[in-house]
Amino acid sequence: VRGGTAVVSLNSGYTVSPMNCMNAR
């Protein structure tokens, strides 16, 4: 998690879902 970068679908239209990123853990 510290230093890694996941490829995650983050957005729908003009919004971004932070939880999609949190769920990469």
mmCIF file of all heavy atoms, coordinates in Angstrom:
data_MODEL
# 
_entry.id   MODEL 
# 
loop_
_atom_site.group_PDB 
_atom_site.id 
_atom_site.type_symbol 
_atom_site.label_atom_id 
_atom_site.label_alt_id 
_atom_site.label_comp_id 
_atom_site.label_asym_id 
_atom_site.label_entity_id 
_atom_site.label_seq_id 
_atom_site.pdbx_PDB_ins_code 
_atom_site.Cartn_x 
_atom_site.Cartn_y 
_atom_site.Cartn_z 
_atom_site.occupancy 
_atom_site.B_iso_or_equiv 
_atom_site.pdbx_formal_charge 
_atom_site.auth_seq_id 
_atom_site.auth_comp_id 
_atom_site.auth_asym_id 
_atom_site.auth_atom_id 
_atom_site.pdbx_PDB_model_num 
ATOM 1   N N   . VAL A 1 1  ? 0.846   -1.200 0.000   1.00 0.00 ? 1  VAL A N   1 
ATOM 2   C CA  . VAL A 1 1  ? 0.000   0.000  0.000   1.00 0.00 ? 1  VAL A CA  1 
ATOM 3   C C   . VAL A 1 1  ? 0.875   1.241  0.000   1.00 0.00 ? 1  VAL A C   1 
ATOM 4   O O   . VAL A 1 1  ? 0.615   2.198  -0.733  1.00 0.00 ? 1  VAL A O   1 
ATOM 5   C CB  . VAL A 1 1  ? -0.950  -0.018 1.214   1.00 0.00 ? 1  VAL A CB  1 
ATOM 6   C CG1 . VAL A 1 1  ? -1.636  1.339  1.377   1.00 0.00 ? 1  VAL A CG1 1 
ATOM 7   C CG2 . VAL A 1 1  ? -1.998  -1.117 1.056   1.00 0.00 ? 1  VAL A CG2 1 
ATOM 8   N N   . ARG A 1 2  ? 1.914   1.261  0.801   1.00 0.00 ? 2  ARG A N   1 
ATOM 9   C CA  . ARG A 1 2  ? 2.830   2.388  0.849   1.00 0.00 ? 2  ARG A CA  1 
ATOM 10  C C   . ARG A 1 2  ? 3.824   2.257  -0.304  1.00 0.00 ? 2  ARG A C   1 
ATOM 11  O O   . ARG A 1 2  ? 4.786   1.509  -0.227  1.00 0.00 ? 2  ARG A O   1 
ATOM 12  C CB  . ARG A 1 2  ? 3.568   2.443  2.180   1.00 0.00 ? 2  ARG A CB  1 
ATOM 13  C CG  . ARG A 1 2  ? 2.650   2.666  3.372   1.00 0.00 ? 2  ARG A CG  1 
ATOM 14  C CD  . ARG A 1 2  ? 3.412   2.641  4.673   1.00 0.00 ? 2  ARG A CD  1 
ATOM 15  N NE  . ARG A 1 2  ? 2.518   2.718  5.813   1.00 0.00 ? 2  ARG A NE  1 
ATOM 16  C CZ  . ARG A 1 2  ? 2.907   2.633  7.081   1.00 0.00 ? 2  ARG A CZ  1 
ATOM 17  N NH1 . ARG A 1 2  ? 4.184   2.463  7.359   1.00 0.00 ? 2  ARG A NH1 1 
ATOM 18  N NH2 . ARG A 1 2  ? 2.035   2.712  8.056   1.00 0.00 ? 2  ARG A NH2 1 
ATOM 19  N N   . GLY A 1 3  ? 3.552   2.955  -1.373  1.00 0.00 ? 3  GLY A N   1 
ATOM 20  C CA  . GLY A 1 3  ? 4.428   2.925  -2.542  1.00 0.00 ? 3  GLY A CA  1 
ATOM 21  C C   . GLY A 1 3  ? 3.834   2.253  -3.753  1.00 0.00 ? 3  GLY A C   1 
ATOM 22  O O   . GLY A 1 3  ? 4.252   2.529  -4.874  1.00 0.00 ? 3  GLY A O   1 
ATOM 23  N N   . GLY A 1 4  ? 2.865   1.373  -3.561  1.00 0.00 ? 4  GLY A N   1 
ATOM 24  C CA  . GLY A 1 4  ? 2.237   0.703  -4.693  1.00 0.00 ? 4  GLY A CA  1 
ATOM 25  C C   . GLY A 1 4  ? 1.161   1.562  -5.331  1.00 0.00 ? 4  GLY A C   1 
ATOM 26  O O   . GLY A 1 4  ? 0.640   2.491  -4.714  1.00 0.00 ? 4  GLY A O   1 
ATOM 27  N N   . THR A 1 5  ? 0.821   1.248  -6.581  1.00 0.00 ? 5  THR A N   1 
ATOM 28  C CA  . THR A 1 5  ? -0.241  1.972  -7.285  1.00 0.00 ? 5  THR A CA  1 
ATOM 29  C C   . THR A 1 5  ? -1.130  0.965  -7.993  1.00 0.00 ? 5  THR A C   1 
ATOM 30  O O   . THR A 1 5  ? -0.687  0.253  -8.901  1.00 0.00 ? 5  THR A O   1 
ATOM 31  C CB  . THR A 1 5  ? 0.337   2.957  -8.320  1.00 0.00 ? 5  THR A CB  1 
ATOM 32  O OG1 . THR A 1 5  ? 1.189   3.886  -7.652  1.00 0.00 ? 5  THR A OG1 1 
ATOM 33  C CG2 . THR A 1 5  ? -0.790  3.719  -9.021  1.00 0.00 ? 5  THR A CG2 1 
ATOM 34  N N   . ALA A 1 6  ? -2.398  0.892  -7.575  1.00 0.00 ? 6  ALA A N   1 
ATOM 35  C CA  . ALA A 1 6  ? -3.367  0.006  -8.202  1.00 0.00 ? 6  ALA A CA  1 
ATOM 36  C C   . ALA A 1 6  ? -4.037  0.707  -9.371  1.00 0.00 ? 6  ALA A C   1 
ATOM 37  O O   . ALA A 1 6  ? -4.132  1.934  -9.405  1.00 0.00 ? 6  ALA A O   1 
ATOM 38  C CB  . ALA A 1 6  ? -4.415  -0.419 -7.182  1.00 0.00 ? 6  ALA A CB  1 
ATOM 39  N N   . VAL A 1 7  ? -4.479  -0.062 -10.351 1.00 0.00 ? 7  VAL A N   1 
ATOM 40  C CA  . VAL A 1 7  ? -5.265  0.473  -11.460 1.00 0.00 ? 7  VAL A CA  1 
ATOM 41  C C   . VAL A 1 7  ? -6.725  0.163  -11.148 1.00 0.00 ? 7  VAL A C   1 
ATOM 42  O O   . VAL A 1 7  ? -7.128  -0.996 -11.074 1.00 0.00 ? 7  VAL A O   1 
ATOM 43  C CB  . VAL A 1 7  ? -4.848  -0.150 -12.798 1.00 0.00 ? 7  VAL A CB  1 
ATOM 44  C CG1 . VAL A 1 7  ? -5.716  0.379  -13.928 1.00 0.00 ? 7  VAL A CG1 1 
ATOM 45  C CG2 . VAL A 1 7  ? -3.375  0.124  -13.074 1.00 0.00 ? 7  VAL A CG2 1 
ATOM 46  N N   . VAL A 1 8  ? -7.504  1.224  -10.940 1.00 0.00 ? 8  VAL A N   1 
ATOM 47  C CA  . VAL A 1 8  ? -8.867  1.087  -10.431 1.00 0.00 ? 8  VAL A CA  1 
ATOM 48  C C   . VAL A 1 8  ? -9.805  1.986  -11.229 1.00 0.00 ? 8  VAL A C   1 
ATOM 49  O O   . VAL A 1 8  ? -9.457  3.123  -11.559 1.00 0.00 ? 8  VAL A O   1 
ATOM 50  C CB  . VAL A 1 8  ? -8.923  1.489  -8.933  1.00 0.00 ? 8  VAL A CB  1 
ATOM 51  C CG1 . VAL A 1 8  ? -10.360 1.463  -8.420  1.00 0.00 ? 8  VAL A CG1 1 
ATOM 52  C CG2 . VAL A 1 8  ? -8.051  0.563  -8.099  1.00 0.00 ? 8  VAL A CG2 1 
ATOM 53  N N   . SER A 1 9  ? -10.997 1.496  -11.525 1.00 0.00 ? 9  SER A N   1 
ATOM 54  C CA  . SER A 1 9  ? -12.020 2.340  -12.128 1.00 0.00 ? 9  SER A CA  1 
ATOM 55  C C   . SER A 1 9  ? -12.536 3.301  -11.064 1.00 0.00 ? 9  SER A C   1 
ATOM 56  O O   . SER A 1 9  ? -13.117 2.889  -10.067 1.00 0.00 ? 9  SER A O   1 
ATOM 57  C CB  . SER A 1 9  ? -13.165 1.484  -12.673 1.00 0.00 ? 9  SER A CB  1 
ATOM 58  O OG  . SER A 1 9  ? -14.190 2.305  -13.178 1.00 0.00 ? 9  SER A OG  1 
ATOM 59  N N   . LEU A 1 10 ? -12.308 4.602  -11.284 1.00 0.00 ? 10 LEU A N   1 
ATOM 60  C CA  . LEU A 1 10 ? -12.579 5.579  -10.242 1.00 0.00 ? 10 LEU A CA  1 
ATOM 61  C C   . LEU A 1 10 ? -13.788 6.455  -10.497 1.00 0.00 ? 10 LEU A C   1 
ATOM 62  O O   . LEU A 1 10 ? -14.329 7.036  -9.557  1.00 0.00 ? 10 LEU A O   1 
ATOM 63  C CB  . LEU A 1 10 ? -11.356 6.501  -10.064 1.00 0.00 ? 10 LEU A CB  1 
ATOM 64  C CG  . LEU A 1 10 ? -10.097 5.866  -9.473  1.00 0.00 ? 10 LEU A CG  1 
ATOM 65  C CD1 . LEU A 1 10 ? -8.929  6.835  -9.592  1.00 0.00 ? 10 LEU A CD1 1 
ATOM 66  C CD2 . LEU A 1 10 ? -10.324 5.488  -8.028  1.00 0.00 ? 10 LEU A CD2 1 
ATOM 67  N N   . ASN A 1 11 ? -14.170 6.624  -11.741 1.00 0.00 ? 11 ASN A N   1 
ATOM 68  C CA  . ASN A 1 11 ? -15.138 7.690  -11.990 1.00 0.00 ? 11 ASN A CA  1 
ATOM 69  C C   . ASN A 1 11 ? -16.360 7.245  -12.784 1.00 0.00 ? 11 ASN A C   1 
ATOM 70  O O   . ASN A 1 11 ? -16.364 6.214  -13.453 1.00 0.00 ? 11 ASN A O   1 
ATOM 71  C CB  . ASN A 1 11 ? -14.472 8.851  -12.728 1.00 0.00 ? 11 ASN A CB  1 
ATOM 72  C CG  . ASN A 1 11 ? -14.219 8.525  -14.189 1.00 0.00 ? 11 ASN A CG  1 
ATOM 73  O OD1 . ASN A 1 11 ? -13.704 7.466  -14.508 1.00 0.00 ? 11 ASN A OD1 1 
ATOM 74  N ND2 . ASN A 1 11 ? -14.580 9.438  -15.069 1.00 0.00 ? 11 ASN A ND2 1 
ATOM 75  N N   . SER A 1 12 ? -17.391 8.046  -12.658 1.00 0.00 ? 12 SER A N   1 
ATOM 76  C CA  . SER A 1 12 ? -18.594 7.936  -13.474 1.00 0.00 ? 12 SER A CA  1 
ATOM 77  C C   . SER A 1 12 ? -19.005 9.361  -13.817 1.00 0.00 ? 12 SER A C   1 
ATOM 78  O O   . SER A 1 12 ? -19.381 10.127 -12.945 1.00 0.00 ? 12 SER A O   1 
ATOM 79  C CB  . SER A 1 12 ? -19.705 7.226  -12.713 1.00 0.00 ? 12 SER A CB  1 
ATOM 80  O OG  . SER A 1 12 ? -20.902 7.231  -13.457 1.00 0.00 ? 12 SER A OG  1 
ATOM 81  N N   . GLY A 1 13 ? -18.883 9.723  -15.072 1.00 0.00 ? 13 GLY A N   1 
ATOM 82  C CA  . GLY A 1 13 ? -19.136 11.102 -15.441 1.00 0.00 ? 13 GLY A CA  1 
ATOM 83  C C   . GLY A 1 13 ? -18.094 12.016 -14.839 1.00 0.00 ? 13 GLY A C   1 
ATOM 84  O O   . GLY A 1 13 ? -16.901 11.802 -14.992 1.00 0.00 ? 13 GLY A O   1 
ATOM 85  N N   . TYR A 1 14 ? -18.538 13.019 -14.088 1.00 0.00 ? 14 TYR A N   1 
ATOM 86  C CA  . TYR A 1 14 ? -17.617 13.967 -13.479 1.00 0.00 ? 14 TYR A CA  1 
ATOM 87  C C   . TYR A 1 14 ? -17.411 13.717 -11.991 1.00 0.00 ? 14 TYR A C   1 
ATOM 88  O O   . TYR A 1 14 ? -16.985 14.599 -11.267 1.00 0.00 ? 14 TYR A O   1 
ATOM 89  C CB  . TYR A 1 14 ? -18.110 15.399 -13.698 1.00 0.00 ? 14 TYR A CB  1 
ATOM 90  C CG  . TYR A 1 14 ? -17.913 15.866 -15.113 1.00 0.00 ? 14 TYR A CG  1 
ATOM 91  C CD1 . TYR A 1 14 ? -18.998 16.085 -15.942 1.00 0.00 ? 14 TYR A CD1 1 
ATOM 92  C CD2 . TYR A 1 14 ? -16.633 16.070 -15.611 1.00 0.00 ? 14 TYR A CD2 1 
ATOM 93  C CE1 . TYR A 1 14 ? -18.818 16.511 -17.245 1.00 0.00 ? 14 TYR A CE1 1 
ATOM 94  C CE2 . TYR A 1 14 ? -16.453 16.483 -16.916 1.00 0.00 ? 14 TYR A CE2 1 
ATOM 95  C CZ  . TYR A 1 14 ? -17.545 16.707 -17.729 1.00 0.00 ? 14 TYR A CZ  1 
ATOM 96  O OH  . TYR A 1 14 ? -17.359 17.119 -19.015 1.00 0.00 ? 14 TYR A OH  1 
ATOM 97  N N   . THR A 1 15 ? -17.737 12.540 -11.506 1.00 0.00 ? 15 THR A N   1 
ATOM 98  C CA  . THR A 1 15 ? -17.529 12.236 -10.097 1.00 0.00 ? 15 THR A CA  1 
ATOM 99  C C   . THR A 1 15 ? -16.477 11.151 -9.947  1.00 0.00 ? 15 THR A C   1 
ATOM 100 O O   . THR A 1 15 ? -16.214 10.369 -10.856 1.00 0.00 ? 15 THR A O   1 
ATOM 101 C CB  . THR A 1 15 ? -18.834 11.773 -9.424  1.00 0.00 ? 15 THR A CB  1 
ATOM 102 O OG1 . THR A 1 15 ? -19.228 10.519 -9.991  1.00 0.00 ? 15 THR A OG1 1 
ATOM 103 C CG2 . THR A 1 15 ? -19.935 12.793 -9.605  1.00 0.00 ? 15 THR A CG2 1 
ATOM 104 N N   . VAL A 1 16 ? -15.870 11.122 -8.771  1.00 0.00 ? 16 VAL A N   1 
ATOM 105 C CA  . VAL A 1 16 ? -14.855 10.129 -8.447  1.00 0.00 ? 16 VAL A CA  1 
ATOM 106 C C   . VAL A 1 16 ? -15.266 9.428  -7.162  1.00 0.00 ? 16 VAL A C   1 
ATOM 107 O O   . VAL A 1 16 ? -15.683 10.081 -6.206  1.00 0.00 ? 16 VAL A O   1 
ATOM 108 C CB  . VAL A 1 16 ? -13.475 10.788 -8.262  1.00 0.00 ? 16 VAL A CB  1 
ATOM 109 C CG1 . VAL A 1 16 ? -12.458 9.795  -7.717  1.00 0.00 ? 16 VAL A CG1 1 
ATOM 110 C CG2 . VAL A 1 16 ? -12.993 11.365 -9.581  1.00 0.00 ? 16 VAL A CG2 1 
ATOM 111 N N   . SER A 1 17 ? -15.164 8.121  -7.134  1.00 0.00 ? 17 SER A N   1 
ATOM 112 C CA  . SER A 1 17 ? -15.491 7.358  -5.939  1.00 0.00 ? 17 SER A CA  1 
ATOM 113 C C   . SER A 1 17 ? -14.219 7.015  -5.171  1.00 0.00 ? 17 SER A C   1 
ATOM 114 O O   . SER A 1 17 ? -13.468 6.113  -5.573  1.00 0.00 ? 17 SER A O   1 
ATOM 115 C CB  . SER A 1 17 ? -16.227 6.069  -6.303  1.00 0.00 ? 17 SER A CB  1 
ATOM 116 O OG  . SER A 1 17 ? -16.363 5.252  -5.145  1.00 0.00 ? 17 SER A OG  1 
ATOM 117 N N   . PRO A 1 18 ? -13.937 7.695  -4.057  1.00 0.00 ? 18 PRO A N   1 
ATOM 118 C CA  . PRO A 1 18 ? -12.765 7.343  -3.263  1.00 0.00 ? 18 PRO A CA  1 
ATOM 119 C C   . PRO A 1 18 ? -12.825 5.920  -2.724  1.00 0.00 ? 18 PRO A C   1 
ATOM 120 O O   . PRO A 1 18 ? -11.790 5.279  -2.526  1.00 0.00 ? 18 PRO A O   1 
ATOM 121 C CB  . PRO A 1 18 ? -12.786 8.375  -2.129  1.00 0.00 ? 18 PRO A CB  1 
ATOM 122 C CG  . PRO A 1 18 ? -13.582 9.513  -2.652  1.00 0.00 ? 18 PRO A CG  1 
ATOM 123 C CD  . PRO A 1 18 ? -14.624 8.884  -3.520  1.00 0.00 ? 18 PRO A CD  1 
ATOM 124 N N   . MET A 1 19 ? -14.042 5.406  -2.477  1.00 0.00 ? 19 MET A N   1 
ATOM 125 C CA  . MET A 1 19 ? -14.141 4.060  -1.912  1.00 0.00 ? 19 MET A CA  1 
ATOM 126 C C   . MET A 1 19 ? -13.665 3.003  -2.895  1.00 0.00 ? 19 MET A C   1 
ATOM 127 O O   . MET A 1 19 ? -13.204 1.941  -2.482  1.00 0.00 ? 19 MET A O   1 
ATOM 128 C CB  . MET A 1 19 ? -15.579 3.781  -1.473  1.00 0.00 ? 19 MET A CB  1 
ATOM 129 C CG  . MET A 1 19 ? -15.986 4.523  -0.206  1.00 0.00 ? 19 MET A CG  1 
ATOM 130 S SD  . MET A 1 19 ? -14.839 4.289  1.185   1.00 0.00 ? 19 MET A SD  1 
ATOM 131 C CE  . MET A 1 19 ? -14.981 2.530  1.470   1.00 0.00 ? 19 MET A CE  1 
ATOM 132 N N   . ASN A 1 20 ? -13.770 3.266  -4.200  1.00 0.00 ? 20 ASN A N   1 
ATOM 133 C CA  . ASN A 1 20 ? -13.212 2.306  -5.158  1.00 0.00 ? 20 ASN A CA  1 
ATOM 134 C C   . ASN A 1 20 ? -11.713 2.155  -4.945  1.00 0.00 ? 20 ASN A C   1 
ATOM 135 O O   . ASN A 1 20 ? -11.157 1.072  -5.132  1.00 0.00 ? 20 ASN A O   1 
ATOM 136 C CB  . ASN A 1 20 ? -13.490 2.776  -6.585  1.00 0.00 ? 20 ASN A CB  1 
ATOM 137 C CG  . ASN A 1 20 ? -14.929 2.574  -6.997  1.00 0.00 ? 20 ASN A CG  1 
ATOM 138 O OD1 . ASN A 1 20 ? -15.716 2.002  -6.247  1.00 0.00 ? 20 ASN A OD1 1 
ATOM 139 N ND2 . ASN A 1 20 ? -15.290 3.062  -8.168  1.00 0.00 ? 20 ASN A ND2 1 
ATOM 140 N N   . CYS A 1 21 ? -11.058 3.246  -4.579  1.00 0.00 ? 21 CYS A N   1 
ATOM 141 C CA  . CYS A 1 21 ? -9.626  3.182  -4.306  1.00 0.00 ? 21 CYS A CA  1 
ATOM 142 C C   . CYS A 1 21 ? -9.350  2.525  -2.956  1.00 0.00 ? 21 CYS A C   1 
ATOM 143 O O   . CYS A 1 21 ? -8.455  1.684  -2.843  1.00 0.00 ? 21 CYS A O   1 
ATOM 144 C CB  . CYS A 1 21 ? -9.027  4.592  -4.356  1.00 0.00 ? 21 CYS A CB  1 
ATOM 145 S SG  . CYS A 1 21 ? -7.221  4.633  -4.218  1.00 0.00 ? 21 CYS A SG  1 
ATOM 146 N N   . MET A 1 22 ? -10.103 2.888  -1.939  1.00 0.00 ? 22 MET A N   1 
ATOM 147 C CA  . MET A 1 22 ? -9.909  2.275  -0.622  1.00 0.00 ? 22 MET A CA  1 
ATOM 148 C C   . MET A 1 22 ? -10.085 0.763  -0.701  1.00 0.00 ? 22 MET A C   1 
ATOM 149 O O   . MET A 1 22 ? -9.398  -0.005 -0.019  1.00 0.00 ? 22 MET A O   1 
ATOM 150 C CB  . MET A 1 22 ? -10.895 2.867  0.381   1.00 0.00 ? 22 MET A CB  1 
ATOM 151 C CG  . MET A 1 22 ? -10.544 4.264  0.840   1.00 0.00 ? 22 MET A CG  1 
ATOM 152 S SD  . MET A 1 22 ? -9.045  4.324  1.865   1.00 0.00 ? 22 MET A SD  1 
ATOM 153 C CE  . MET A 1 22 ? -9.718  3.942  3.473   1.00 0.00 ? 22 MET A CE  1 
ATOM 154 N N   . ASN A 1 23 ? -11.001 0.309  -1.556  1.00 0.00 ? 23 ASN A N   1 
ATOM 155 C CA  . ASN A 1 23 ? -11.259 -1.121 -1.675  1.00 0.00 ? 23 ASN A CA  1 
ATOM 156 C C   . ASN A 1 23 ? -10.175 -1.873 -2.438  1.00 0.00 ? 23 ASN A C   1 
ATOM 157 O O   . ASN A 1 23 ? -10.243 -3.098 -2.563  1.00 0.00 ? 23 ASN A O   1 
ATOM 158 C CB  . ASN A 1 23 ? -12.609 -1.349 -2.347  1.00 0.00 ? 23 ASN A CB  1 
ATOM 159 C CG  . ASN A 1 23 ? -13.773 -0.951 -1.452  1.00 0.00 ? 23 ASN A CG  1 
ATOM 160 O OD1 . ASN A 1 23 ? -13.645 -0.930 -0.226  1.00 0.00 ? 23 ASN A OD1 1 
ATOM 161 N ND2 . ASN A 1 23 ? -14.909 -0.611 -2.051  1.00 0.00 ? 23 ASN A ND2 1 
ATOM 162 N N   . ALA A 1 24 ? -9.180  -1.151 -2.945  1.00 0.00 ? 24 ALA A N   1 
ATOM 163 C CA  . ALA A 1 24 ? -8.034  -1.829 -3.557  1.00 0.00 ? 24 ALA A CA  1 
ATOM 164 C C   . ALA A 1 24 ? -7.139  -2.458 -2.496  1.00 0.00 ? 24 ALA A C   1 
ATOM 165 O O   . ALA A 1 24 ? -6.275  -3.279 -2.814  1.00 0.00 ? 24 ALA A O   1 
ATOM 166 C CB  . ALA A 1 24 ? -7.225  -0.849 -4.401  1.00 0.00 ? 24 ALA A CB  1 
ATOM 167 N N   . ARG A 1 25 ? -7.330  -2.092 -1.238  1.00 0.00 ? 25 ARG A N   1 
ATOM 168 C CA  . ARG A 1 25 ? -6.564  -2.699 -0.156  1.00 0.00 ? 25 ARG A CA  1 
ATOM 169 C C   . ARG A 1 25 ? -7.049  -4.128 0.062   1.00 0.00 ? 25 ARG A C   1 
ATOM 170 O O   . ARG A 1 25 ? -8.255  -4.383 0.120   1.00 0.00 ? 25 ARG A O   1 
ATOM 171 C CB  . ARG A 1 25 ? -6.725  -1.875 1.119   1.00 0.00 ? 25 ARG A CB  1 
ATOM 172 C CG  . ARG A 1 25 ? -5.742  -2.214 2.233   1.00 0.00 ? 25 ARG A CG  1 
ATOM 173 C CD  . ARG A 1 25 ? -6.136  -1.542 3.516   1.00 0.00 ? 25 ARG A CD  1 
ATOM 174 N NE  . ARG A 1 25 ? -6.095  -0.101 3.456   1.00 0.00 ? 25 ARG A NE  1 
ATOM 175 C CZ  . ARG A 1 25 ? -5.066  0.645  3.846   1.00 0.00 ? 25 ARG A CZ  1 
ATOM 176 N NH1 . ARG A 1 25 ? -3.970  0.057  4.298   1.00 0.00 ? 25 ARG A NH1 1 
ATOM 177 N NH2 . ARG A 1 25 ? -5.129  1.958  3.787   1.00 0.00 ? 25 ARG A NH2 1 
# 
